[in-house]
Amino acid sequence: MSDWKSDFMNTQLGKLLLGIIKLAIAGLLIQLVQLFNNYSITITIGGNTYDITAVLQILVAFFPILLIISAMRDIGIKL
């Protein structure tokens, strides 16, 4: 990053903007997780078929939680 960008992101306003951006991205990811409720994802290993929809929902839902925690820290809320 250039010097002015890194200097700006270290200010309170820069951290606030970064936190808001992270919250927006987390909201989009949460909506994508909700789309998985309509689909059944299965894999076939050998002769057995396994439904992995719940596993994928948990994994994908984990990332918005991390983004929300990171955004809260950027905004100034200590968890």
Protein backbone atom coordinates (compact mmCIF):
# COMPACT_ATOMS: atom_id res chain seq x y z
CA MET A 1 0.00 0.00 0.00
CA SER A 2 1.14 3.51 -0.56
CA ASP A 3 2.00 5.69 2.41
CA TRP A 4 -1.14 7.84 2.35
CA LYS A 5 -3.39 4.77 2.23
CA SER A 6 -1.68 3.09 5.16
CA ASP A 7 -1.67 6.40 7.09
CA PHE A 8 -5.38 6.90 6.39
CA MET A 9 -6.29 3.35 7.45
CA ASN A 10 -4.54 3.90 10.79
CA THR A 11 -6.78 6.88 11.61
CA GLN A 12 -10.10 6.46 13.43
CA LEU A 13 -12.03 7.41 10.29
CA GLY A 14 -10.14 4.85 8.22
CA LYS A 15 -10.79 2.13 10.76
CA LEU A 16 -14.46 3.09 10.90
CA LEU A 17 -14.76 2.87 7.11
CA LEU A 18 -12.96 -0.47 7.07
CA GLY A 19 -15.31 -1.76 9.78
CA ILE A 20 -18.37 -0.66 7.80
CA ILE A 21 -17.03 -2.36 4.66
CA LYS A 22 -16.41 -5.57 6.60
CA LEU A 23 -19.95 -5.48 8.03
CA ALA A 24 -21.37 -5.06 4.52
CA ILE A 25 -19.34 -8.01 3.22
CA ALA A 26 -20.46 -10.10 6.21
CA GLY A 27 -24.08 -9.28 5.39
CA LEU A 28 -23.60 -10.44 1.82
CA LEU A 29 -21.98 -13.68 3.00
CA ILE A 30 -24.86 -14.32 5.40
CA GLN A 31 -27.31 -13.99 2.50
CA LEU A 32 -25.25 -16.47 0.50
CA VAL A 33 -25.44 -18.93 3.40
CA GLN A 34 -29.22 -18.63 3.36
CA LEU A 35 -29.22 -19.68 -0.29
CA PHE A 36 -27.78 -23.04 0.74
CA ASN A 37 -31.04 -23.83 2.54
CA ASN A 38 -32.71 -24.38 -0.83
CA TYR A 39 -30.13 -26.81 -2.18
CA SER A 40 -29.13 -30.33 -1.29
CA ILE A 41 -25.44 -30.95 -1.92
CA THR A 42 -24.42 -34.59 -2.04
CA ILE A 43 -21.18 -36.37 -2.77
CA THR A 44 -20.69 -39.99 -3.72
CA ILE A 45 -17.73 -41.88 -2.31
CA GLY A 46 -17.49 -45.47 -3.39
CA GLY A 47 -21.08 -46.64 -3.53
CA ASN A 48 -22.33 -44.39 -0.71
CA THR A 49 -23.96 -40.99 -1.13
CA TYR A 50 -23.53 -38.40 1.63
CA ASP A 51 -25.43 -35.16 2.15
CA ILE A 52 -22.88 -32.45 3.04
CA THR A 53 -25.22 -29.44 2.97
CA ALA A 54 -25.13 -28.93 6.75
CA VAL A 55 -21.33 -29.14 6.86
CA LEU A 56 -20.98 -26.51 4.13
CA GLN A 57 -23.51 -24.23 5.84
CA ILE A 58 -21.49 -24.33 9.05
CA LEU A 59 -18.18 -23.67 7.28
CA VAL A 60 -19.52 -20.80 5.18
CA ALA A 61 -21.35 -19.27 8.18
CA PHE A 62 -18.08 -19.18 10.13
CA PHE A 63 -16.50 -16.52 7.89
CA PRO A 64 -19.19 -13.81 8.41
CA ILE A 65 -18.81 -14.28 12.16
CA LEU A 66 -15.07 -13.65 11.89
CA LEU A 67 -15.70 -10.59 9.70
CA ILE A 68 -18.20 -9.19 12.20
CA ILE A 69 -15.75 -9.65 15.08
CA SER A 70 -12.97 -7.99 13.07
CA ALA A 71 -15.28 -5.12 12.06
CA MET A 72 -16.28 -4.54 15.68
CA ARG A 73 -12.61 -4.30 16.65
CA ASP A 74 -11.98 -1.84 13.81
CA ILE A 75 -14.90 0.31 14.91
CA GLY A 76 -13.58 0.32 18.47
CA ILE A 77 -15.73 -2.25 20.22
CA LYS A 78 -13.53 -4.69 22.12
CA LEU A 79 -14.96 -8.20 22.37
